[in-house]
Amino acid sequence: ARRDAPKQYDPKLFQELRWRLIGPSRGGRVLAVTGVRGQPE
């Protein structure tokens, strides 16, 4: 039960995070975005 229970995180860990626009500024609306496993940039 403890393993399956959702992990609890301290909200303070994320309080400094803010959304920001990273572009492309003229790309228009979007339905498809994906990252690359192991390559966070």
Full PDB file with SEQRES, HELIX, SHEET, SSBOND, CRYST1, ORIGX, SCALE, CONECT and MASTER records, all heavy atoms in Angstrom:
SEQRES   1 A   41  ALA ARG ARG ASP ALA PRO LYS GLN TYR ASP PRO LYS LEU          
SEQRES   2 A   41  PHE GLN GLU LEU ARG TRP ARG LEU ILE GLY PRO SER ARG          
SEQRES   3 A   41  GLY GLY ARG VAL LEU ALA VAL THR GLY VAL ARG GLY GLN          
SEQRES   4 A   41  PRO GLU                                                      
HELIX    1 AA1 PRO A   11  PHE A   14  5                                   4    
CRYST1    1.000    1.000    1.000  90.00  90.00  90.00 P 1           1          
ORIGX1      1.000000  0.000000  0.000000        0.00000                         
ORIGX2      0.000000  1.000000  0.000000        0.00000                         
ORIGX3      0.000000  0.000000  1.000000        0.00000                         
SCALE1      1.000000  0.000000  0.000000        0.00000                         
SCALE2      0.000000  1.000000  0.000000        0.00000                         
SCALE3      0.000000  0.000000  1.000000        0.00000                         
ATOM      1  N   ALA A   1       0.832  -1.205   0.000  1.00  0.00           N  
ATOM      2  CA  ALA A   1       0.000   0.000   0.000  1.00  0.00           C  
ATOM      3  C   ALA A   1       0.863   1.250   0.000  1.00  0.00           C  
ATOM      4  O   ALA A   1       0.573   2.228  -0.690  1.00  0.00           O  
ATOM      5  CB  ALA A   1      -0.938  -0.019   1.207  1.00  0.00           C  
ATOM      6  N   ARG A   2       1.960   1.203   0.776  1.00  0.00           N  
ATOM      7  CA  ARG A   2       2.848   2.361   0.807  1.00  0.00           C  
ATOM      8  C   ARG A   2       3.543   2.555  -0.534  1.00  0.00           C  
ATOM      9  O   ARG A   2       3.755   3.676  -0.983  1.00  0.00           O  
ATOM     10  CB  ARG A   2       3.884   2.187   1.932  1.00  0.00           C  
ATOM     11  CG  ARG A   2       3.306   2.387   3.330  1.00  0.00           C  
ATOM     12  CD  ARG A   2       4.427   2.622   4.339  1.00  0.00           C  
ATOM     13  NE  ARG A   2       5.320   1.473   4.437  1.00  0.00           N  
ATOM     14  CZ  ARG A   2       5.138   0.466   5.295  1.00  0.00           C  
ATOM     15  NH1 ARG A   2       4.084   0.464   6.095  1.00  0.00           N  
ATOM     16  NH2 ARG A   2       6.002  -0.528   5.341  1.00  0.00           N  
ATOM     17  N   ARG A   3       3.889   1.438  -1.184  1.00  0.00           N  
ATOM     18  CA  ARG A   3       4.557   1.544  -2.485  1.00  0.00           C  
ATOM     19  C   ARG A   3       3.630   2.150  -3.528  1.00  0.00           C  
ATOM     20  O   ARG A   3       4.041   2.933  -4.374  1.00  0.00           O  
ATOM     21  CB  ARG A   3       5.016   0.170  -2.952  1.00  0.00           C  
ATOM     22  CG  ARG A   3       6.222  -0.367  -2.186  1.00  0.00           C  
ATOM     23  CD  ARG A   3       6.575  -1.748  -2.697  1.00  0.00           C  
ATOM     24  NE  ARG A   3       7.740  -2.293  -2.013  1.00  0.00           N  
ATOM     25  CZ  ARG A   3       8.179  -3.532  -2.193  1.00  0.00           C  
ATOM     26  NH1 ARG A   3       7.546  -4.335  -3.039  1.00  0.00           N  
ATOM     27  NH2 ARG A   3       9.241  -3.962  -1.531  1.00  0.00           N  
ATOM     28  N   ASP A   4       2.348   1.735  -3.511  1.00  0.00           N  
ATOM     29  CA  ASP A   4       1.403   2.183  -4.524  1.00  0.00           C  
ATOM     30  C   ASP A   4       0.832   3.561  -4.240  1.00  0.00           C  
ATOM     31  O   ASP A   4       0.247   4.188  -5.120  1.00  0.00           O  
ATOM     32  CB  ASP A   4       0.247   1.181  -4.651  1.00  0.00           C  
ATOM     33  CG  ASP A   4       0.731  -0.177  -5.171  1.00  0.00           C  
ATOM     34  OD1 ASP A   4       1.783  -0.186  -5.819  1.00  0.00           O  
ATOM     35  OD2 ASP A   4       0.057  -1.181  -4.922  1.00  0.00           O  
ATOM     36  N   ALA A   5       0.976   4.016  -3.003  1.00  0.00           N  
ATOM     37  CA  ALA A   5       0.415   5.319  -2.657  1.00  0.00           C  
ATOM     38  C   ALA A   5       1.165   6.427  -3.390  1.00  0.00           C  
ATOM     39  O   ALA A   5       2.372   6.331  -3.607  1.00  0.00           O  
ATOM     40  CB  ALA A   5       0.513   5.537  -1.145  1.00  0.00           C  
ATOM     41  N   PRO A   6       0.452   7.463  -3.813  1.00  0.00           N  
ATOM     42  CA  PRO A   6       1.134   8.573  -4.513  1.00  0.00           C  
ATOM     43  C   PRO A   6       2.141   9.257  -3.594  1.00  0.00           C  
ATOM     44  O   PRO A   6       1.895   9.457  -2.406  1.00  0.00           O  
ATOM     45  CB  PRO A   6      -0.028   9.520  -4.870  1.00  0.00           C  
ATOM     46  CG  PRO A   6      -1.141   9.141  -3.940  1.00  0.00           C  
ATOM     47  CD  PRO A   6      -0.980   7.681  -3.673  1.00  0.00           C  
ATOM     48  N   LYS A   7       3.296   9.578  -4.183  1.00  0.00           N  
ATOM     49  CA  LYS A   7       4.331  10.222  -3.390  1.00  0.00           C  
ATOM     50  C   LYS A   7       3.942  11.662  -3.071  1.00  0.00           C  
ATOM     51  O   LYS A   7       3.359  12.360  -3.896  1.00  0.00           O  
ATOM     52  CB  LYS A   7       5.659  10.187  -4.145  1.00  0.00           C  
ATOM     53  CG  LYS A   7       6.215   8.794  -4.351  1.00  0.00           C  
ATOM     54  CD  LYS A   7       7.541   8.850  -5.087  1.00  0.00           C  
ATOM     55  CE  LYS A   7       8.116   7.452  -5.284  1.00  0.00           C  
ATOM     56  NZ  LYS A   7       9.398   7.462  -6.006  1.00  0.00           N  
ATOM     57  N   GLN A   8       4.261  12.070  -1.875  1.00  0.00           N  
ATOM     58  CA  GLN A   8       3.961  13.431  -1.432  1.00  0.00           C  
ATOM     59  C   GLN A   8       5.223  14.287  -1.508  1.00  0.00           C  
ATOM     60  O   GLN A   8       6.297  13.863  -1.088  1.00  0.00           O  
ATOM     61  CB  GLN A   8       3.429  13.417   0.010  1.00  0.00           C  
ATOM     62  CG  GLN A   8       2.158  12.589   0.196  1.00  0.00           C  
ATOM     63  CD  GLN A   8       0.993  13.132  -0.616  1.00  0.00           C  
ATOM     64  OE1 GLN A   8       0.798  14.348  -0.684  1.00  0.00           O  
ATOM     65  NE2 GLN A   8       0.222  12.246  -1.204  1.00  0.00           N  
ATOM     66  N   TYR A   9       5.080  15.465  -2.081  1.00  0.00           N  
ATOM     67  CA  TYR A   9       6.199  16.382  -2.220  1.00  0.00           C  
ATOM     68  C   TYR A   9       5.887  17.689  -1.504  1.00  0.00           C  
ATOM     69  O   TYR A   9       4.743  18.132  -1.453  1.00  0.00           O  
ATOM     70  CB  TYR A   9       6.494  16.655  -3.698  1.00  0.00           C  
ATOM     71  CG  TYR A   9       6.935  15.448  -4.477  1.00  0.00           C  
ATOM     72  CD1 TYR A   9       6.024  14.713  -5.227  1.00  0.00           C  
ATOM     73  CD2 TYR A   9       8.260  15.033  -4.466  1.00  0.00           C  
ATOM     74  CE1 TYR A   9       6.431  13.593  -5.947  1.00  0.00           C  
ATOM     75  CE2 TYR A   9       8.676  13.921  -5.187  1.00  0.00           C  
ATOM     76  CZ  TYR A   9       7.757  13.214  -5.922  1.00  0.00           C  
ATOM     77  OH  TYR A   9       8.164  12.099  -6.630  1.00  0.00           O  
ATOM     78  N   ASP A  10       6.925  18.277  -0.976  1.00  0.00           N  
ATOM     79  CA  ASP A  10       6.777  19.562  -0.324  1.00  0.00           C  
ATOM     80  C   ASP A  10       6.547  20.635  -1.385  1.00  0.00           C  
ATOM     81  O   ASP A  10       7.393  20.827  -2.273  1.00  0.00           O  
ATOM     82  CB  ASP A  10       8.042  19.875   0.487  1.00  0.00           C  
ATOM     83  CG  ASP A  10       7.902  21.144   1.319  1.00  0.00           C  
ATOM     84  OD1 ASP A  10       6.929  21.887   1.113  1.00  0.00           O  
ATOM     85  OD2 ASP A  10       8.781  21.384   2.170  1.00  0.00           O  
ATOM     86  N   PRO A  11       5.423  21.352  -1.343  1.00  0.00           N  
ATOM     87  CA  PRO A  11       5.153  22.392  -2.359  1.00  0.00           C  
ATOM     88  C   PRO A  11       6.245  23.454  -2.430  1.00  0.00           C  
ATOM     89  O   PRO A  11       6.418  24.099  -3.464  1.00  0.00           O  
ATOM     90  CB  PRO A  11       3.828  22.993  -1.890  1.00  0.00           C  
ATOM     91  CG  PRO A  11       3.185  21.937  -1.053  1.00  0.00           C  
ATOM     92  CD  PRO A  11       4.313  21.226  -0.383  1.00  0.00           C  
ATOM     93  N   LYS A  12       7.005  23.618  -1.370  1.00  0.00           N  
ATOM     94  CA  LYS A  12       8.053  24.640  -1.372  1.00  0.00           C  
ATOM     95  C   LYS A  12       9.157  24.323  -2.380  1.00  0.00           C  
ATOM     96  O   LYS A  12       9.879  25.222  -2.799  1.00  0.00           O  
ATOM     97  CB  LYS A  12       8.654  24.763   0.035  1.00  0.00           C  
ATOM     98  CG  LYS A  12       7.690  25.319   1.074  1.00  0.00           C  
ATOM     99  CD  LYS A  12       8.353  25.423   2.438  1.00  0.00           C  
ATOM    100  CE  LYS A  12       7.391  25.983   3.471  1.00  0.00           C  
ATOM    101  NZ  LYS A  12       8.017  26.066   4.815  1.00  0.00           N  
ATOM    102  N   LEU A  13       9.274  23.021  -2.735  1.00  0.00           N  
ATOM    103  CA  LEU A  13      10.297  22.651  -3.699  1.00  0.00           C  
ATOM    104  C   LEU A  13      10.046  23.286  -5.064  1.00  0.00           C  
ATOM    105  O   LEU A  13      10.967  23.467  -5.858  1.00  0.00           O  
ATOM    106  CB  LEU A  13      10.352  21.131  -3.852  1.00  0.00           C  
ATOM    107  CG  LEU A  13      10.793  20.329  -2.617  1.00  0.00           C  
ATOM    108  CD1 LEU A  13      10.641  18.839  -2.875  1.00  0.00           C  
ATOM    109  CD2 LEU A  13      12.240  20.651  -2.273  1.00  0.00           C  
ATOM    110  N   PHE A  14       8.793  23.628  -5.350  1.00  0.00           N  
ATOM    111  CA  PHE A  14       8.436  24.140  -6.671  1.00  0.00           C  
ATOM    112  C   PHE A  14       7.943  25.581  -6.650  1.00  0.00           C  
ATOM    113  O   PHE A  14       7.552  26.103  -7.695  1.00  0.00           O  
ATOM    114  CB  PHE A  14       7.342  23.249  -7.282  1.00  0.00           C  
ATOM    115  CG  PHE A  14       7.699  21.794  -7.316  1.00  0.00           C  
ATOM    116  CD1 PHE A  14       7.189  20.921  -6.370  1.00  0.00           C  
ATOM    117  CD2 PHE A  14       8.558  21.298  -8.276  1.00  0.00           C  
ATOM    118  CE1 PHE A  14       7.520  19.577  -6.391  1.00  0.00           C  
ATOM    119  CE2 PHE A  14       8.898  19.961  -8.308  1.00  0.00           C  
ATOM    120  CZ  PHE A  14       8.384  19.091  -7.367  1.00  0.00           C  
ATOM    121  N   GLN A  15       7.966  26.231  -5.515  1.00  0.00           N  
ATOM    122  CA  GLN A  15       7.361  27.551  -5.421  1.00  0.00           C  
ATOM    123  C   GLN A  15       8.094  28.620  -6.239  1.00  0.00           C  
ATOM    124  O   GLN A  15       7.498  29.648  -6.580  1.00  0.00           O  
ATOM    125  CB  GLN A  15       7.289  27.991  -3.953  1.00  0.00           C  
ATOM    126  CG  GLN A  15       8.636  28.193  -3.286  1.00  0.00           C  
ATOM    127  CD  GLN A  15       8.498  28.582  -1.827  1.00  0.00           C  
ATOM    128  OE1 GLN A  15       7.393  28.630  -1.291  1.00  0.00           O  
ATOM    129  NE2 GLN A  15       9.608  28.870  -1.168  1.00  0.00           N  
ATOM    130  N   GLU A  16       9.361  28.393  -6.576  1.00  0.00           N  
ATOM    131  CA  GLU A  16      10.106  29.366  -7.365  1.00  0.00           C  
ATOM    132  C   GLU A  16      10.021  29.120  -8.866  1.00  0.00           C  
ATOM    133  O   GLU A  16      10.539  29.909  -9.660  1.00  0.00           O  
ATOM    134  CB  GLU A  16      11.582  29.377  -6.934  1.00  0.00           C  
ATOM    135  CG  GLU A  16      11.796  29.735  -5.467  1.00  0.00           C  
ATOM    136  CD  GLU A  16      11.225  31.107  -5.114  1.00  0.00           C  
ATOM    137  OE1 GLU A  16      11.305  32.005  -5.982  1.00  0.00           O  
ATOM    138  OE2 GLU A  16      10.688  31.257  -4.013  1.00  0.00           O  
ATOM    139  N   LEU A  17       9.366  28.006  -9.256  1.00  0.00           N  
ATOM    140  CA  LEU A  17       9.255  27.711 -10.685  1.00  0.00           C  
ATOM    141  C   LEU A  17       8.185  28.577 -11.329  1.00  0.00           C  
ATOM    142  O   LEU A  17       7.112  28.787 -10.762  1.00  0.00           O  
ATOM    143  CB  LEU A  17       8.919  26.232 -10.894  1.00  0.00           C  
ATOM    144  CG  LEU A  17       9.980  25.225 -10.446  1.00  0.00           C  
ATOM    145  CD1 LEU A  17       9.497  23.807 -10.703  1.00  0.00           C  
ATOM    146  CD2 LEU A  17      11.291  25.463 -11.194  1.00  0.00           C  
ATOM    147  N   ARG A  18       8.463  29.083 -12.518  1.00  0.00           N  
ATOM    148  CA  ARG A  18       7.527  29.935 -13.239  1.00  0.00           C  
ATOM    149  C   ARG A  18       7.493  29.510 -14.710  1.00  0.00           C  
ATOM    150  O   ARG A  18       8.511  29.147 -15.276  1.00  0.00           O  
ATOM    151  CB  ARG A  18       7.931  31.417 -13.167  1.00  0.00           C  
ATOM    152  CG  ARG A  18       8.004  31.982 -11.769  1.00  0.00           C  
ATOM    153  CD  ARG A  18       6.619  32.154 -11.151  1.00  0.00           C  
ATOM    154  NE  ARG A  18       6.705  32.801  -9.843  1.00  0.00           N  
ATOM    155  CZ  ARG A  18       6.858  32.148  -8.704  1.00  0.00           C  
ATOM    156  NH1 ARG A  18       6.972  30.817  -8.720  1.00  0.00           N  
ATOM    157  NH2 ARG A  18       6.914  32.801  -7.562  1.00  0.00           N  
ATOM    158  N   TRP A  19       6.300  29.571 -15.289  1.00  0.00           N  
ATOM    159  CA  TRP A  19       6.191  29.326 -16.719  1.00  0.00           C  
ATOM    160  C   TRP A  19       6.754  30.508 -17.478  1.00  0.00           C  
ATOM    161  O   TRP A  19       6.611  31.654 -17.081  1.00  0.00           O  
ATOM    162  CB  TRP A  19       4.721  29.135 -17.113  1.00  0.00           C  
ATOM    163  CG  TRP A  19       4.120  27.859 -16.623  1.00  0.00           C  
ATOM    164  CD1 TRP A  19       3.298  27.697 -15.552  1.00  0.00           C  
ATOM    165  CD2 TRP A  19       4.293  26.554 -17.187  1.00  0.00           C  
ATOM    166  NE1 TRP A  19       2.943  26.388 -15.402  1.00  0.00           N  
ATOM    167  CE2 TRP A  19       3.543  25.658 -16.399  1.00  0.00           C  
ATOM    168  CE3 TRP A  19       5.008  26.078 -18.280  1.00  0.00           C  
ATOM    169  CZ2 TRP A  19       3.480  24.303 -16.670  1.00  0.00           C  
ATOM    170  CZ3 TRP A  19       4.946  24.717 -18.553  1.00  0.00           C  
ATOM    171  CH2 TRP A  19       4.187  23.839 -17.752  1.00  0.00           C  
ATOM    172  N   ARG A  20       7.407  30.231 -18.616  1.00  0.00           N  
ATOM    173  CA  ARG A  20       7.910  31.303 -19.464  1.00  0.00           C  
ATOM    174  C   ARG A  20       7.802  30.872 -20.922  1.00  0.00           C  
ATOM    175  O   ARG A  20       7.858  29.692 -21.240  1.00  0.00           O  
ATOM    176  CB  ARG A  20       9.365  31.637 -19.134  1.00  0.00           C  
ATOM    177  CG  ARG A  20      10.352  30.503 -19.327  1.00  0.00           C  
ATOM    178  CD  ARG A  20      11.738  30.862 -18.824  1.00  0.00           C  
ATOM    179  NE  ARG A  20      12.679  29.771 -18.974  1.00  0.00           N  
ATOM    180  CZ  ARG A  20      13.426  29.563 -20.048  1.00  0.00           C  
ATOM    181  NH1 ARG A  20      13.352  30.401 -21.066  1.00  0.00           N  
ATOM    182  NH2 ARG A  20      14.263  28.537 -20.111  1.00  0.00           N  
ATOM    183  N   LEU A  21       7.615  31.833 -21.794  1.00  0.00           N  
ATOM    184  CA  LEU A  21       7.531  31.556 -23.208  1.00  0.00           C  
ATOM    185  C   LEU A  21       8.924  31.281 -23.768  1.00  0.00           C  
ATOM    186  O   LEU A  21       9.841  32.086 -23.579  1.00  0.00           O  
ATOM    187  CB  LEU A  21       6.917  32.760 -23.938  1.00  0.00           C  
ATOM    188  CG  LEU A  21       6.835  32.646 -25.460  1.00  0.00           C  
ATOM    189  CD1 LEU A  21       5.908  31.513 -25.869  1.00  0.00           C  
ATOM    190  CD2 LEU A  21       6.371  33.970 -26.062  1.00  0.00           C  
ATOM    191  N   ILE A  22       9.080  30.152 -24.457  1.00  0.00           N  
ATOM    192  CA  ILE A  22      10.384  29.816 -25.029  1.00  0.00           C  
ATOM    193  C   ILE A  22      10.326  29.698 -26.548  1.00  0.00           C  
ATOM    194  O   ILE A  22      11.311  29.340 -27.178  1.00  0.00           O  
ATOM    195  CB  ILE A  22      10.947  28.514 -24.422  1.00  0.00           C  
ATOM    196  CG1 ILE A  22      10.015  27.335 -24.681  1.00  0.00           C  
ATOM    197  CG2 ILE A  22      11.209  28.688 -22.929  1.00  0.00           C  
ATOM    198  CD1 ILE A  22      10.585  26.002 -24.230  1.00  0.00           C  
ATOM    199  N   GLY A  23       9.158  29.995 -27.164  1.00  0.00           N  
ATOM    200  CA  GLY A  23       9.056  30.014 -28.614  1.00  0.00           C  
ATOM    201  C   GLY A  23       8.713  28.661 -29.195  1.00  0.00           C  
ATOM    202  O   GLY A  23       8.433  27.716 -28.456  1.00  0.00           O  
ATOM    203  N   PRO A  24       8.764  28.559 -30.528  1.00  0.00           N  
ATOM    204  CA  PRO A  24       9.022  29.639 -31.490  1.00  0.00           C  
ATOM    205  C   PRO A  24       7.915  30.685 -31.439  1.00  0.00           C  
ATOM    206  O   PRO A  24       6.735  30.329 -31.384  1.00  0.00           O  
ATOM    207  CB  PRO A  24       9.030  28.936 -32.856  1.00  0.00           C  
ATOM    208  CG  PRO A  24       9.127  27.479 -32.557  1.00  0.00           C  
ATOM    209  CD  PRO A  24       8.558  27.274 -31.210  1.00  0.00           C  
ATOM    210  N   SER A  25       8.281  31.952 -31.501  1.00  0.00           N  
ATOM    211  CA  SER A  25       7.321  33.021 -31.258  1.00  0.00           C  
ATOM    212  C   SER A  25       6.267  33.120 -32.354  1.00  0.00           C  
ATOM    213  O   SER A  25       5.177  33.635 -32.122  1.00  0.00           O  
ATOM    214  CB  SER A  25       8.051  34.358 -31.125  1.00  0.00           C  
ATOM    215  OG  SER A  25       8.796  34.646 -32.303  1.00  0.00           O  
ATOM    216  N   ARG A  26       6.568  32.635 -33.580  1.00  0.00           N  
ATOM    217  CA  ARG A  26       5.598  32.685 -34.663  1.00  0.00           C  
ATOM    218  C   ARG A  26       5.190  31.292 -35.119  1.00  0.00           C  
ATOM    219  O   ARG A  26       4.838  31.090 -36.273  1.00  0.00           O  
ATOM    220  CB  ARG A  26       6.173  33.478 -35.845  1.00  0.00           C  
ATOM    221  CG  ARG A  26       6.470  34.924 -35.540  1.00  0.00           C  
ATOM    222  CD  ARG A  26       5.226  35.670 -35.075  1.00  0.00           C  
ATOM    223  NE  ARG A  26       4.201  35.717 -36.104  1.00  0.00           N  
ATOM    224  CZ  ARG A  26       4.118  36.671 -37.037  1.00  0.00           C  
ATOM    225  NH1 ARG A  26       4.997  37.654 -37.056  1.00  0.00           N  
ATOM    226  NH2 ARG A  26       3.163  36.658 -37.931  1.00  0.00           N  
ATOM    227  N   GLY A  27       5.247  30.353 -34.213  1.00  0.00           N  
ATOM    228  CA  GLY A  27       4.930  28.974 -34.598  1.00  0.00           C  
ATOM    229  C   GLY A  27       3.452  28.690 -34.697  1.00  0.00           C  
ATOM    230  O   GLY A  27       3.046  27.716 -35.299  1.00  0.00           O  
ATOM    231  N   GLY A  28       2.613  29.529 -34.087  1.00  0.00           N  
ATOM    232  CA  GLY A  28       1.187  29.278 -34.105  1.00  0.00           C  
ATOM    233  C   GLY A  28       0.774  28.252 -33.063  1.00  0.00           C  
ATOM    234  O   GLY A  28       1.557  27.829 -32.227  1.00  0.00           O  
ATOM    235  N   ARG A  29      -0.494  27.847 -33.105  1.00  0.00           N  
ATOM    236  CA  ARG A  29      -0.979  26.868 -32.129  1.00  0.00           C  
ATOM    237  C   ARG A  29      -0.320  25.513 -32.402  1.00  0.00           C  
ATOM    238  O   ARG A  29       0.147  25.240 -33.500  1.00  0.00           O  
ATOM    239  CB  ARG A  29      -2.497  26.773 -32.168  1.00  0.00           C  
ATOM    240  CG  ARG A  29      -3.071  26.151 -33.412  1.00  0.00           C  
ATOM    241  CD  ARG A  29      -4.595  26.227 -33.402  1.00  0.00           C  
ATOM    242  NE  ARG A  29      -5.164  25.473 -34.508  1.00  0.00           N  
ATOM    243  CZ  ARG A  29      -5.322  25.943 -35.722  1.00  0.00           C  
ATOM    244  NH1 ARG A  29      -4.941  27.168 -36.006  1.00  0.00           N  
ATOM    245  NH2 ARG A  29      -5.857  25.179 -36.669  1.00  0.00           N  
ATOM    246  N   VAL A  30      -0.316  24.685 -31.383  1.00  0.00           N  
ATOM    247  CA  VAL A  30       0.459  23.450 -31.473  1.00  0.00           C  
ATOM    248  C   VAL A  30      -0.288  22.301 -30.811  1.00  0.00           C  
ATOM    249  O   VAL A  30      -0.922  22.483 -29.771  1.00  0.00           O  
ATOM    250  CB  VAL A  30       1.857  23.631 -30.829  1.00  0.00           C  
ATOM    251  CG1 VAL A  30       1.729  24.054 -29.378  1.00  0.00           C  
ATOM    252  CG2 VAL A  30       2.676  22.361 -30.916  1.00  0.00           C  
ATOM    253  N   LEU A  31      -0.209  21.124 -31.425  1.00  0.00           N  
ATOM    254  CA  LEU A  31      -0.766  19.898 -30.861  1.00  0.00           C  
ATOM    255  C   LEU A  31       0.309  18.855 -30.588  1.00  0.00           C  
ATOM    256  O   LEU A  31       0.042  17.860 -29.934  1.00  0.00           O  
ATOM    257  CB  LEU A  31      -1.789  19.293 -31.830  1.00  0.00           C  
ATOM    258  CG  LEU A  31      -3.039  20.124 -32.111  1.00  0.00           C  
ATOM    259  CD1 LEU A  31      -3.869  19.473 -33.202  1.00  0.00           C  
ATOM    260  CD2 LEU A  31      -3.867  20.304 -30.854  1.00  0.00           C  
ATOM    261  N   ALA A  32       1.520  19.078 -31.116  1.00  0.00           N  
ATOM    262  CA  ALA A  32       2.558  18.048 -31.054  1.00  0.00           C  
ATOM    263  C   ALA A  32       3.845  18.610 -30.463  1.00  0.00           C  
ATOM    264  O   ALA A  32       4.488  19.469 -31.062  1.00  0.00           O  
ATOM    265  CB  ALA A  32       2.823  17.493 -32.444  1.00  0.00           C  
ATOM    266  N   VAL A  33       4.217  18.117 -29.299  1.00  0.00           N  
ATOM    267  CA  VAL A  33       5.489  18.466 -28.653  1.00  0.00           C  
ATOM    268  C   VAL A  33       6.064  17.194 -28.046  1.00  0.00           C  
ATOM    269  O   VAL A  33       5.332  16.400 -27.450  1.00  0.00           O  
ATOM    270  CB  VAL A  33       5.301  19.519 -27.548  1.00  0.00           C  
ATOM    271  CG1 VAL A  33       6.617  19.778 -26.836  1.00  0.00           C  
ATOM    272  CG2 VAL A  33       4.756  20.823 -28.112  1.00  0.00           C  
ATOM    273  N   THR A  34       7.359  16.993 -28.187  1.00  0.00           N  
ATOM    274  CA  THR A  34       7.974  15.826 -27.559  1.00  0.00           C  
ATOM    275  C   THR A  34       9.419  16.129 -27.196  1.00  0.00           C  
ATOM    276  O   THR A  34      10.088  16.920 -27.866  1.00  0.00           O  
ATOM    277  CB  THR A  34       7.935  14.595 -28.490  1.00  0.00           C  
ATOM    278  OG1 THR A  34       8.420  13.443 -27.785  1.00  0.00           O  
ATOM    279  CG2 THR A  34       8.781  14.808 -29.732  1.00  0.00           C  
ATOM    280  N   GLY A  35       9.868  15.510 -26.125  1.00  0.00           N  
ATOM    281  CA  GLY A  35      11.264  15.595 -25.736  1.00  0.00           C  
ATOM    282  C   GLY A  35      12.015  14.357 -26.184  1.00  0.00           C  
ATOM    283  O   GLY A  35      11.481  13.491 -26.882  1.00  0.00           O  
ATOM    284  N   VAL A  36      13.267  14.268 -25.754  1.00  0.00           N  
ATOM    285  CA  VAL A  36      14.124  13.132 -26.099  1.00  0.00           C  
ATOM    286  C   VAL A  36      14.635  12.525 -24.801  1.00  0.00           C  
ATOM    287  O   VAL A  36      15.238  13.225 -23.974  1.00  0.00           O  
ATOM    288  CB  VAL A  36      15.306  13.573 -26.988  1.00  0.00           C  
ATOM    289  CG1 VAL A  36      16.206  12.389 -27.282  1.00  0.00           C  
ATOM    290  CG2 VAL A  36      14.794  14.205 -28.279  1.00  0.00           C  
ATOM    291  N   ARG A  37      14.415  11.244 -24.639  1.00  0.00           N  
ATOM    292  CA  ARG A  37      14.809  10.561 -23.409  1.00  0.00           C  
ATOM    293  C   ARG A  37      16.314  10.667 -23.201  1.00  0.00           C  
ATOM    294  O   ARG A  37      17.108  10.369 -24.096  1.00  0.00           O  
ATOM    295  CB  ARG A  37      14.387   9.099 -23.473  1.00  0.00           C  
ATOM    296  CG  ARG A  37      14.733   8.292 -22.229  1.00  0.00           C  
ATOM    297  CD  ARG A  37      14.246   6.872 -22.344  1.00  0.00           C  
ATOM    298  NE  ARG A  37      12.791   6.798 -22.400  1.00  0.00           N  
ATOM    299  CZ  ARG A  37      12.107   5.645 -22.445  1.00  0.00           C  
ATOM    300  NH1 ARG A  37      12.759   4.491 -22.456  1.00  0.00           N  
ATOM    301  NH2 ARG A  37      10.791   5.649 -22.499  1.00  0.00           N  
ATOM    302  N   GLY A  38      16.710  11.125 -22.011  1.00  0.00           N  
ATOM    303  CA  GLY A  38      18.125  11.232 -21.672  1.00  0.00           C  
ATOM    304  C   GLY A  38      18.810  12.469 -22.214  1.00  0.00           C  
ATOM    305  O   GLY A  38      20.004  12.674 -21.960  1.00  0.00           O  
ATOM    306  N   GLN A  39      18.095  13.303 -22.954  1.00  0.00           N  
ATOM    307  CA  GLN A  39      18.667  14.532 -23.520  1.00  0.00           C  
ATOM    308  C   GLN A  39      17.713  15.694 -23.221  1.00  0.00           C  
ATOM    309  O   GLN A  39      16.932  16.111 -24.085  1.00  0.00           O  
ATOM    310  CB  GLN A  39      18.896  14.376 -25.022  1.00  0.00           C  
ATOM    311  CG  GLN A  39      19.809  13.222 -25.387  1.00  0.00           C  
ATOM    312  CD  GLN A  39      19.986  13.077 -26.889  1.00  0.00           C  
ATOM    313  OE1 GLN A  39      20.378  14.016 -27.584  1.00  0.00           O  
ATOM    314  NE2 GLN A  39      19.699  11.888 -27.410  1.00  0.00           N  
ATOM    315  N   PRO A  40      17.741  16.232 -22.012  1.00  0.00           N  
ATOM    316  CA  PRO A  40      16.732  17.196 -21.568  1.00  0.00           C  
ATOM    317  C   PRO A  40      16.735  18.529 -22.303  1.00  0.00           C  
ATOM    318  O   PRO A  40      15.777  19.298 -22.161  1.00  0.00           O  
ATOM    319  CB  PRO A  40      17.071  17.382 -20.081  1.00  0.00           C  
ATOM    320  CG  PRO A  40      18.512  17.026 -19.968  1.00  0.00           C  
ATOM    321  CD  PRO A  40      18.741  15.937 -20.969  1.00  0.00           C  
ATOM    322  N   GLU A  41      17.753  18.832 -23.076  1.00  0.00           N  
ATOM    323  CA  GLU A  41      17.776  20.114 -23.781  1.00  0.00           C  
ATOM    324  C   GLU A  41      17.302  20.002 -25.225  1.00  0.00           C  
ATOM    325  O   GLU A  41      17.232  21.004 -25.939  1.00  0.00           O  
ATOM    326  CB  GLU A  41      19.180  20.711 -23.743  1.00  0.00           C  
ATOM    327  CG  GLU A  41      19.617  21.107 -22.336  1.00  0.00           C  
ATOM    328  CD  GLU A  41      20.835  21.995 -22.349  1.00  0.00           C  
ATOM    329  OE1 GLU A  41      21.524  22.045 -23.376  1.00  0.00           O  
ATOM    330  OE2 GLU A  41      21.093  22.652 -21.325  1.00  0.00           O  
TER     331      GLU A  41                                                      
MASTER        0    0    0    1    0    0    0    6  330    1    0    4          
END                                                                             
